Every structure is written in structure tokens, then in C-alpha cells.
C-alpha atoms as a PDB file:
ATOM      1  CA  MET A   1       0.000   0.000   0.000  1.00  0.00           C
ATOM      2  CA  LYS A   2       1.328   3.424  -0.910  1.00  0.00           C
ATOM      3  CA  GLU A   3       0.559   6.712   0.788  1.00  0.00           C
ATOM      4  CA  THR A   4       0.691  10.171  -0.775  1.00  0.00           C
ATOM      5  CA  LEU A   5       1.881  13.405   0.822  1.00  0.00           C
ATOM      6  CA  SER A   6       1.176  16.615  -1.073  1.00  0.00           C
ATOM      7  CA  THR A   7       4.060  19.068  -1.149  1.00  0.00           C
ATOM      8  CA  GLY A   8       4.311  22.539  -2.619  1.00  0.00           C
ATOM      9  CA  SER A   9       6.002  21.216  -5.746  1.00  0.00           C
ATOM     10  CA  GLY A  10       4.145  17.914  -6.228  1.00  0.00           C
ATOM     11  CA  ASN A  11       3.260  14.670  -4.509  1.00  0.00           C
ATOM     12  CA  LEU A  12       5.445  12.321  -2.502  1.00  0.00           C
ATOM     13  CA  ILE A  13       4.382   8.667  -2.648  1.00  0.00           C
ATOM     14  CA  ILE A  14       5.798   6.297  -0.015  1.00  0.00           C
ATOM     15  CA  ASP A  15       5.140   2.559   0.248  1.00  0.00           C
ATOM     16  CA  VAL A  16       4.272   1.595   3.844  1.00  0.00           C
ATOM     17  CA  ASP A  17       6.790  -1.268   3.621  1.00  0.00           C
ATOM     18  CA  VAL A  18       9.530   1.371   3.352  1.00  0.00           C
ATOM     19  CA  VAL A  19       8.220   3.007   6.529  1.00  0.00           C
ATOM     20  CA  ALA A  20       8.034  -0.388   8.261  1.00  0.00           C
ATOM     21  CA  GLN A  21      11.600  -1.292   7.257  1.00  0.00           C
ATOM     22  CA  TYR A  22      12.980   2.012   8.521  1.00  0.00           C
ATOM     23  CA  ALA A  23      10.931   1.884  11.734  1.00  0.00           C
ATOM     24  CA  GLY A  24      12.147  -1.678  12.357  1.00  0.00           C
ATOM     25  CA  SER A  25      15.773  -0.681  11.955  1.00  0.00           C
ATOM     26  CA  VAL A  26      15.253   2.198  14.401  1.00  0.00           C
ATOM     27  CA  ALA A  27      13.489  -0.108  16.873  1.00  0.00           C
ATOM     28  CA  VAL A  28      16.227  -2.748  17.037  1.00  0.00           C
ATOM     29  CA  GLU A  29      18.774  -0.005  17.800  1.00  0.00           C
ATOM     30  CA  CYS A  30      16.892   0.871  21.013  1.00  0.00           C
ATOM     31  CA  PHE A  31      18.293  -0.328  24.337  1.00  0.00           C
ATOM     32  CA  GLY A  32      16.467  -3.394  25.645  1.00  0.00           C
ATOM     33  CA  ILE A  33      14.981  -4.463  22.315  1.00  0.00           C
ATOM     34  CA  VAL A  34      16.367  -7.846  21.295  1.00  0.00           C
ATOM     35  CA  GLY A  35      14.410  -8.051  18.053  1.00  0.00           C
ATOM     36  CA  MET A  36      11.082  -8.021  16.293  1.00  0.00           C
ATOM     37  CA  ALA A  37       8.599 -10.864  16.745  1.00  0.00           C
ATOM     38  CA  ALA A  38       6.313 -12.676  14.342  1.00  0.00           C
ATOM     39  CA  VAL A  39       3.259 -14.096  16.067  1.00  0.00           C
ATOM     40  CA  SER A  40       1.684 -17.259  14.750  1.00  0.00           C
ATOM     41  CA  MET A  41      -2.062 -16.800  15.076  1.00  0.00           C
ATOM     42  CA  SER A  42      -2.682 -20.546  14.912  1.00  0.00           C
ATOM     43  CA  ASP A  43      -0.644 -21.461  17.986  1.00  0.00           C
ATOM     44  CA  GLY A  44      -0.016 -18.068  19.640  1.00  0.00           C
ATOM     45  CA  ILE A  45       3.764 -18.531  19.676  1.00  0.00           C
ATOM     46  CA  ALA A  46       6.087 -15.604  18.980  1.00  0.00           C
ATOM     47  CA  LYS A  47       9.390 -16.147  17.229  1.00  0.00           C
ATOM     48  CA  MET A  48      12.210 -13.705  16.721  1.00  0.00           C
ATOM     49  CA  LEU A  49      12.721 -12.439  13.198  1.00  0.00           C
ATOM     50  CA  LYS A  50      16.022 -12.017  11.403  1.00  0.00           C
ATOM     51  CA  LYS A  51      17.057  -8.532  10.261  1.00  0.00           C
ATOM     52  CA  GLU A  52      15.817  -9.094   6.708  1.00  0.00           C
ATOM     53  CA  ASN A  53      12.297  -9.875   8.012  1.00  0.00           C
ATOM     54  CA  LEU A  54      11.844  -6.892  10.344  1.00  0.00           C
ATOM     55  CA  THR A  55       8.746  -5.685   8.523  1.00  0.00           C
ATOM     56  CA  ARG A  56       6.776  -8.786   9.557  1.00  0.00           C
ATOM     57  CA  GLY A  57       6.913  -7.613  13.170  1.00  0.00           C
ATOM     58  CA  ILE A  58       5.536  -4.174  12.306  1.00  0.00           C
ATOM     59  CA  ASN A  59       2.159  -3.081  11.026  1.00  0.00           C
ATOM     60  CA  VAL A  60       1.898   0.388   9.447  1.00  0.00           C
ATOM     61  CA  GLU A  61      -1.437   2.053   8.666  1.00  0.00           C
ATOM     62  CA  MET A  62      -2.291   5.516   7.387  1.00  0.00           C
ATOM     63  CA  ILE A  63      -5.385   7.031   8.989  1.00  0.00           C
ATOM     64  CA  ASN A  64      -6.347  10.639   8.152  1.00  0.00           C
ATOM     65  CA  ASN A  65      -2.842  11.375   6.794  1.00  0.00           C
ATOM     66  CA  LYS A  66      -1.235  10.189  10.055  1.00  0.00           C
ATOM     67  CA  LEU A  67       0.734   7.003  10.640  1.00  0.00           C
ATOM     68  CA  VAL A  68      -0.263   4.335  13.140  1.00  0.00           C
ATOM     69  CA  LEU A  69       2.488   1.810  13.903  1.00  0.00           C
ATOM     70  CA  ASP A  70       2.191  -1.497  15.765  1.00  0.00           C
ATOM     71  CA  PHE A  71       5.426  -3.095  16.979  1.00  0.00           C
ATOM     72  CA  HIS A  72       5.673  -6.719  18.107  1.00  0.00           C
ATOM     73  CA  VAL A  73       8.954  -6.908  20.002  1.00  0.00           C
ATOM     74  CA  ILE A  74      11.084  -9.197  22.122  1.00  0.00           C
ATOM     75  CA  VAL A  75      12.825  -7.485  25.038  1.00  0.00           C
ATOM     76  CA  SER A  76      15.945  -8.320  26.976  1.00  0.00           C
ATOM     77  CA  TYR A  77      15.534 -10.092  30.320  1.00  0.00           C
ATOM     78  CA  GLY A  78      15.898  -7.812  33.352  1.00  0.00           C
ATOM     79  CA  VAL A  79      15.089  -4.482  31.715  1.00  0.00           C
ATOM     80  CA  ASN A  80      12.283  -2.180  32.743  1.00  0.00           C
ATOM     81  CA  ILE A  81       9.728  -2.920  30.023  1.00  0.00           C
ATOM     82  CA  ARG A  82       7.916   0.378  30.496  1.00  0.00           C
ATOM     83  CA  ALA A  83      11.152   2.364  30.077  1.00  0.00           C
ATOM     84  CA  VAL A  84      12.173   0.320  27.026  1.00  0.00           C
ATOM     85  CA  ALA A  85       8.753   0.859  25.410  1.00  0.00           C
ATOM     86  CA  ALA A  86       8.858   4.612  26.141  1.00  0.00           C
ATOM     87  CA  ASN A  87      12.351   4.826  24.630  1.00  0.00           C
ATOM     88  CA  LEU A  88      11.181   2.900  21.553  1.00  0.00           C
ATOM     89  CA  VAL A  89       8.176   5.186  21.073  1.00  0.00           C
ATOM     90  CA  ASN A  90      10.231   8.378  21.435  1.00  0.00           C
ATOM     91  CA  ASN A  91      13.019   7.268  19.087  1.00  0.00           C
ATOM     92  CA  VAL A  92      10.696   5.884  16.421  1.00  0.00           C
ATOM     93  CA  LYS A  93       8.370   8.889  16.544  1.00  0.00           C
ATOM     94  CA  TYR A  94      11.203  11.378  16.094  1.00  0.00           C
ATOM     95  CA  LYS A  95      13.168   9.480  13.439  1.00  0.00           C
ATOM     96  CA  VAL A  96      10.229   8.252  11.330  1.00  0.00           C
ATOM     97  CA  GLU A  97       8.577  11.682  11.272  1.00  0.00           C
ATOM     98  CA  GLU A  98      11.884  13.224  10.187  1.00  0.00           C
ATOM     99  CA  TYR A  99      12.460  10.493   7.574  1.00  0.00           C
ATOM    100  CA  THR A 100       8.990  10.434   5.993  1.00  0.00           C
ATOM    101  CA  GLY A 101       7.437  13.829   6.656  1.00  0.00           C
ATOM    102  CA  PHE A 102       4.273  12.074   7.893  1.00  0.00           C
ATOM    103  CA  GLU A 103       3.017  12.744  11.419  1.00  0.00           C
ATOM    104  CA  ILE A 104       2.691   9.737  13.708  1.00  0.00           C
ATOM    105  CA  ASP A 105      -0.656   9.533  15.474  1.00  0.00           C
ATOM    106  CA  LYS A 106      -0.067   6.420  17.554  1.00  0.00           C
ATOM    107  CA  ILE A 107       2.600   3.805  18.268  1.00  0.00           C
ATOM    108  CA  ASN A 108       1.472   0.574  19.907  1.00  0.00           C
ATOM    109  CA  VAL A 109       4.101  -1.721  21.446  1.00  0.00           C
ATOM    110  CA  PHE A 110       3.258  -5.392  21.994  1.00  0.00           C
ATOM    111  CA  VAL A 111       5.868  -7.253  24.033  1.00  0.00           C
ATOM    112  CA  GLU A 112       5.710 -10.794  22.696  1.00  0.00           C
ATOM    113  CA  GLY A 113       8.596 -12.311  24.608  1.00  0.00           C
ATOM    114  CA  VAL A 114      11.657 -11.948  26.811  1.00  0.00           C
ATOM    115  CA  ARG A 115      15.135 -13.255  25.978  1.00  0.00           C
ATOM    116  CA  VAL A 116      18.225 -13.686  28.132  1.00  0.00           C
ATOM    117  CA  ILE A 117      21.182 -12.084  26.368  1.00  0.00           C
ATOM    118  CA  ASP A 118      24.730 -13.280  27.102  1.00  0.00           C
END
């Protein structure tokens, strides 16, 4: 799905997969985030995605010219989940708005698992 942003000199068309890929790369850079998760609806099990599949752990929608992002993440064991989620939201909001020019209306964070990191 592609979204259009009108500018003074024309239109900017961005595929939401591009937004999801960028948002995923920003998310995995955040402290406490181990990776993105893909949730199997049939058995309810979350598995960690490799870097090339980051977009499967993110859902991007455009509602009234504003982005809504859903992140399914796996966090590191022992971190404060609330602080990690707040850090993720702040970093993604700032960087994605700067990158795309679209305003972010809402970012939902779903913690699908916890991993012990060596």
C-alpha cells in the first residue's frame, strides 16, 4: 500500500513497507529491544525475526494522513519494560517523522517475549 503526501512542488508517494523497514531498523537499535517478533495466530507462539524480516513484526497504517504503527517486540531479560517501550516510542516517533514527513498519530508496542542475552 502506498501513501501520498502533497508538497508545494508535487506529490510524494511512499510505500508503507519502506516506513516499516525504517521503523524496524530504528526499533532494534533501542536499548532493551532484542528483536522483532512474528506471532503465529494458529498457535499463539512468537518467534524472533532475522534482520531481513523486520517488517513482519511491524504493522503500518495511514489514517487521516497520520501514521499508526504497531510493533511486536522481544525485550531483553531484566530491563524495565515500560522504560524500554517509552524509549522505543520516542526514538521511532522522532526518526520516522523526520524520515517520511508524515506525522505519527499512535505507536502501539506489543511485548511478545523476553530473551536472556549473554
